[in-house]
Amino acid sequence: MTTQFDLLTETIRVLIGDDHRIVREGLKQILADAPDVQVVAEAQTGPEVLAEVAALGGSLGLDLVLLDIAMPELDGLDVLQAIKRDHPRLPVLMLSTYPEKQYAVRCIRLGACGYLNKSADPDDMIAAVRKAAGGAVFVSQATAEALAAAVGSASAQTGPEALSHREYQVYRLLTQGRTVSEIGAQLGLAPNTVSTYRARVLEKTGAKNDVELALYAERHARAPKGT
């Protein structure tokens, strides 16, 4: 069994998947301060992440994937599912600028070994990489609170919590101002299929249009615990 001591004496091989070069460079600079962590590959689109993982032999050539949720061409949540399907032993630590209560629970349910906000302290980020690479689930205080809230409301899910995986992806992109055509291109769906998901999202959130949906998402993100 891998121990914490082993992780400090063995190299943790990391792949960074993020579409912004400045973010990748920043992550590499942070991880460079950890002598036991080495970034061996990087990718800027969803398909590139999957190609790099396959080329490196999954868990044979990698110890961890740091993956952004908002990836172009193939959504980060879909990339996560593909990695866990084809390389179930390869840990994936999700990255995002969004608050934990918006995505952490859903990511962990899809197989992620944790959820890390890009604004996290560098020391916390390195600690998360080490813990995730060791086979454990990294749970920040904010993520733990989100998980607790999800368990407490599991029997009465409403709004975003009630959305399916695909509905949630469409919801997220709609609230970013994406058009039906743009969403279809990113998710690989026909426009009429996206429209169907959009209708379901509007029904489940109670929004009448995309403007109301964006306002709803903002209220939900800022809602205090317990509401």
Protein backbone atom coordinates (compact mmCIF):
# COMPACT_ATOMS: atom_id res chain seq x y z
CA MET A 1 0.00 0.00 0.00
CA THR A 2 1.27 3.48 -0.86
CA THR A 3 2.04 5.56 2.21
CA GLN A 4 2.47 9.28 2.69
CA PHE A 5 6.21 8.68 3.07
CA ASP A 6 6.29 6.87 -0.28
CA LEU A 7 4.60 9.83 -1.95
CA LEU A 8 7.25 12.15 -0.60
CA THR A 9 10.06 10.01 -1.98
CA GLU A 10 8.53 8.99 -5.30
CA THR A 11 7.68 11.26 -8.19
CA ILE A 12 4.01 12.08 -8.69
CA ARG A 13 3.47 12.35 -12.45
CA VAL A 14 0.79 14.90 -13.30
CA LEU A 15 -1.11 15.87 -16.45
CA ILE A 16 -2.68 19.34 -16.46
CA GLY A 17 -5.79 19.85 -18.57
CA ASP A 18 -6.81 23.51 -18.90
CA ASP A 19 -7.57 25.63 -21.95
CA HIS A 20 -5.83 28.74 -20.61
CA ARG A 21 -2.06 28.77 -21.01
CA ILE A 22 -1.58 31.28 -18.20
CA VAL A 23 -3.42 28.93 -15.82
CA ARG A 24 -1.32 25.94 -16.89
CA GLU A 25 1.88 27.93 -16.41
CA GLY A 26 0.71 29.08 -13.00
CA LEU A 27 -0.10 25.54 -11.93
CA LYS A 28 3.25 24.30 -13.18
CA GLN A 29 5.03 27.02 -11.22
CA ILE A 30 3.18 26.07 -8.04
CA LEU A 31 3.84 22.35 -8.48
CA ALA A 32 7.49 23.02 -9.30
CA ASP A 33 7.96 23.98 -5.64
CA ALA A 34 7.15 20.38 -4.68
CA PRO A 35 10.23 18.18 -5.33
CA ASP A 36 8.08 15.04 -5.50
CA VAL A 37 5.69 16.38 -8.17
CA GLN A 38 6.45 16.50 -11.89
CA VAL A 39 4.17 17.79 -14.66
CA VAL A 40 4.78 15.32 -17.48
CA ALA A 41 2.08 16.49 -19.91
CA GLU A 42 -0.49 19.20 -20.52
CA ALA A 43 -3.50 19.65 -22.77
CA GLN A 44 -5.81 22.52 -23.67
CA THR A 45 -8.92 20.69 -24.94
CA GLY A 46 -10.98 17.74 -23.77
CA PRO A 47 -9.95 15.45 -26.64
CA GLU A 48 -6.29 16.38 -26.09
CA VAL A 49 -6.56 15.31 -22.45
CA LEU A 50 -7.93 11.91 -23.44
CA ALA A 51 -5.26 11.52 -26.13
CA GLU A 52 -2.46 12.35 -23.67
CA VAL A 53 -3.85 9.96 -21.06
CA ALA A 54 -4.03 7.17 -23.65
CA ALA A 55 -0.54 7.91 -24.99
CA LEU A 56 0.91 7.72 -21.48
CA GLY A 57 -0.86 4.46 -20.71
CA GLY A 58 -3.28 5.80 -18.13
CA SER A 59 -2.17 4.96 -14.59
CA LEU A 60 0.99 3.31 -15.95
CA GLY A 61 2.43 6.66 -16.99
CA LEU A 62 0.44 9.04 -14.81
CA ASP A 63 -0.39 9.37 -11.13
CA LEU A 64 -2.91 12.20 -11.39
CA VAL A 65 -4.88 14.33 -13.84
CA LEU A 66 -5.62 17.94 -12.88
CA LEU A 67 -8.67 18.71 -14.99
CA ASP A 68 -10.57 21.95 -15.54
CA ILE A 69 -14.35 21.63 -15.71
CA ALA A 70 -14.81 24.16 -18.53
CA MET A 71 -12.83 22.46 -21.30
CA PRO A 72 -13.42 23.27 -25.00
CA GLU A 73 -14.54 20.68 -27.57
CA LEU A 74 -15.37 18.14 -24.86
CA ASP A 75 -16.73 19.18 -21.48
CA GLY A 76 -14.55 18.43 -18.47
CA LEU A 77 -17.31 16.37 -16.86
CA ASP A 78 -17.46 14.17 -19.96
CA VAL A 79 -13.67 13.88 -19.97
CA LEU A 80 -13.81 12.82 -16.31
CA GLN A 81 -16.33 10.10 -17.10
CA ALA A 82 -14.29 8.86 -20.06
CA ILE A 83 -11.12 8.64 -17.97
CA LYS A 84 -12.85 6.77 -15.16
CA ARG A 85 -14.38 4.38 -17.70
CA ASP A 86 -11.16 3.62 -19.57
CA HIS A 87 -8.64 4.12 -16.75
CA PRO A 88 -10.54 3.57 -13.49
CA ARG A 89 -7.37 3.52 -11.36
CA LEU A 90 -6.19 6.95 -12.55
CA PRO A 91 -7.14 9.69 -10.05
CA VAL A 92 -8.70 12.88 -11.46
CA LEU A 93 -8.70 16.07 -9.40
CA MET A 94 -11.14 18.61 -10.80
CA LEU A 95 -10.26 22.31 -11.05
CA SER A 96 -12.62 25.25 -11.36
CA THR A 97 -13.16 28.90 -10.58
CA TYR A 98 -16.70 28.09 -9.46
CA PRO A 99 -17.66 27.68 -5.77
CA GLU A 100 -17.54 24.16 -4.34
CA LYS A 101 -21.27 24.04 -3.72
CA GLN A 102 -21.93 24.40 -7.45
CA TYR A 103 -19.83 21.50 -8.76
CA ALA A 104 -17.92 19.60 -6.07
CA VAL A 105 -20.63 17.09 -5.20
CA ARG A 106 -21.46 16.34 -8.82
CA CYS A 107 -17.77 15.86 -9.71
CA ILE A 108 -17.19 13.46 -6.83
CA ARG A 109 -20.30 11.50 -7.76
CA LEU A 110 -18.89 11.13 -11.27
CA GLY A 111 -15.67 9.63 -9.92
CA ALA A 112 -13.37 12.58 -9.23
CA CYS A 113 -10.97 12.22 -6.30
CA GLY A 114 -11.67 15.78 -5.25
CA TYR A 115 -12.53 19.30 -6.26
CA LEU A 116 -10.06 22.17 -6.07
CA ASN A 117 -10.79 25.84 -6.58
CA LYS A 118 -8.16 27.59 -8.70
CA SER A 119 -7.85 30.27 -6.05
CA ALA A 120 -6.69 27.71 -3.48
CA ASP A 121 -3.56 28.41 -1.49
CA PRO A 122 -0.48 26.89 -3.21
CA ASP A 123 0.31 24.76 -0.15
CA ASP A 124 -3.25 23.42 -0.12
CA MET A 125 -3.00 22.67 -3.83
CA ILE A 126 0.18 20.65 -3.38
CA ALA A 127 -1.36 18.84 -0.41
CA ALA A 128 -4.42 18.02 -2.52
CA VAL A 129 -2.24 16.64 -5.33
CA ARG A 130 -0.33 14.41 -2.91
CA LYS A 131 -3.47 13.14 -1.22
CA ALA A 132 -5.32 12.46 -4.47
CA ALA A 133 -2.33 10.75 -6.05
CA GLY A 134 -2.14 8.51 -2.99
CA GLY A 135 -5.62 7.17 -3.68
CA ALA A 136 -7.54 9.26 -1.15
CA VAL A 137 -10.31 11.76 -1.80
CA PHE A 138 -9.38 15.38 -1.20
CA VAL A 139 -12.21 17.18 0.58
CA SER A 140 -11.84 20.83 1.50
CA GLN A 141 -14.01 22.35 4.22
CA ALA A 142 -16.22 23.96 1.57
CA THR A 143 -16.59 20.64 -0.26
CA ALA A 144 -17.40 18.84 2.98
CA GLU A 145 -20.15 21.35 3.65
CA ALA A 146 -21.50 20.88 0.13
CA LEU A 147 -21.49 17.09 0.57
CA ALA A 148 -23.29 17.39 3.89
CA ALA A 149 -25.90 19.67 2.36
CA ALA A 150 -26.38 17.26 -0.54
CA VAL A 151 -26.95 14.33 1.82
CA GLY A 152 -29.38 16.36 3.87
CA SER A 153 -31.43 17.38 0.83
CA ALA A 154 -31.14 14.13 -1.13
CA SER A 155 -34.79 13.27 -0.62
CA ALA A 156 -36.01 16.64 -1.85
CA GLN A 157 -33.73 17.74 -4.65
CA THR A 158 -34.84 20.76 -6.63
CA GLY A 159 -33.28 23.17 -9.10
CA PRO A 160 -29.72 22.38 -10.27
CA GLU A 161 -29.49 19.43 -7.86
CA ALA A 162 -32.38 17.76 -9.65
CA LEU A 163 -30.77 18.02 -13.09
CA SER A 164 -29.27 15.02 -14.84
CA HIS A 165 -25.62 15.07 -15.88
CA ARG A 166 -26.39 16.27 -19.41
CA GLU A 167 -29.04 18.73 -18.25
CA TYR A 168 -26.53 20.18 -15.81
CA GLN A 169 -23.96 20.66 -18.57
CA VAL A 170 -26.53 22.50 -20.71
CA TYR A 171 -27.59 24.54 -17.67
CA ARG A 172 -24.02 25.61 -16.96
CA LEU A 173 -23.35 26.63 -20.56
CA LEU A 174 -26.67 28.48 -20.87
CA THR A 175 -25.85 30.52 -17.77
CA GLN A 176 -22.54 31.43 -19.41
CA GLY A 177 -24.44 32.98 -22.30
CA ARG A 178 -23.80 30.22 -24.84
CA THR A 179 -26.27 29.74 -27.68
CA VAL A 180 -27.99 26.45 -28.47
CA SER A 181 -25.70 26.00 -31.49
CA GLU A 182 -22.56 26.69 -29.45
CA ILE A 183 -23.65 24.26 -26.76
CA GLY A 184 -24.39 21.61 -29.36
CA ALA A 185 -20.94 22.03 -30.88
CA GLN A 186 -19.19 21.75 -27.52
CA LEU A 187 -21.18 18.78 -26.26
CA GLY A 188 -21.48 17.00 -29.60
CA LEU A 189 -25.27 17.24 -29.65
CA ALA A 190 -27.74 18.24 -32.35
CA PRO A 191 -29.33 21.68 -31.79
CA ASN A 192 -32.81 20.19 -31.38
CA THR A 193 -31.46 17.87 -28.69
CA VAL A 194 -29.94 20.82 -26.85
CA SER A 195 -33.27 22.62 -27.13
CA THR A 196 -34.96 19.62 -25.50
CA TYR A 197 -32.49 19.70 -22.61
CA ARG A 198 -32.93 23.45 -22.33
CA ALA A 199 -36.69 23.02 -21.98
CA ARG A 200 -36.16 20.47 -19.20
CA VAL A 201 -33.74 22.80 -17.43
CA LEU A 202 -36.18 25.69 -17.58
CA GLU A 203 -38.96 23.48 -16.24
CA LYS A 204 -36.91 22.12 -13.34
CA THR A 205 -35.54 25.52 -12.32
CA GLY A 206 -38.79 27.39 -12.87
CA ALA A 207 -37.12 29.90 -15.20
CA LYS A 208 -39.05 31.19 -18.20
CA ASN A 209 -36.08 32.13 -20.37
CA ASP A 210 -32.29 32.29 -20.45
CA VAL A 211 -32.18 35.66 -18.67
CA GLU A 212 -34.23 34.33 -15.76
CA LEU A 213 -32.07 31.21 -15.77
CA ALA A 214 -28.90 33.29 -15.41
CA LEU A 215 -30.45 35.24 -12.53
CA TYR A 216 -31.55 31.97 -10.94
CA ALA A 217 -28.02 30.56 -11.19
CA GLU A 218 -26.60 33.68 -9.56
CA ARG A 219 -29.09 33.49 -6.70
CA HIS A 220 -28.39 29.81 -6.23
CA ALA A 221 -24.62 30.38 -6.12
CA ARG A 222 -24.98 33.08 -3.49
CA ALA A 223 -27.68 31.39 -1.42
CA PRO A 224 -26.69 30.86 2.22
CA LYS A 225 -26.42 27.35 3.62
CA GLY A 226 -29.71 25.71 4.40
CA THR A 227 -31.77 27.53 1.76
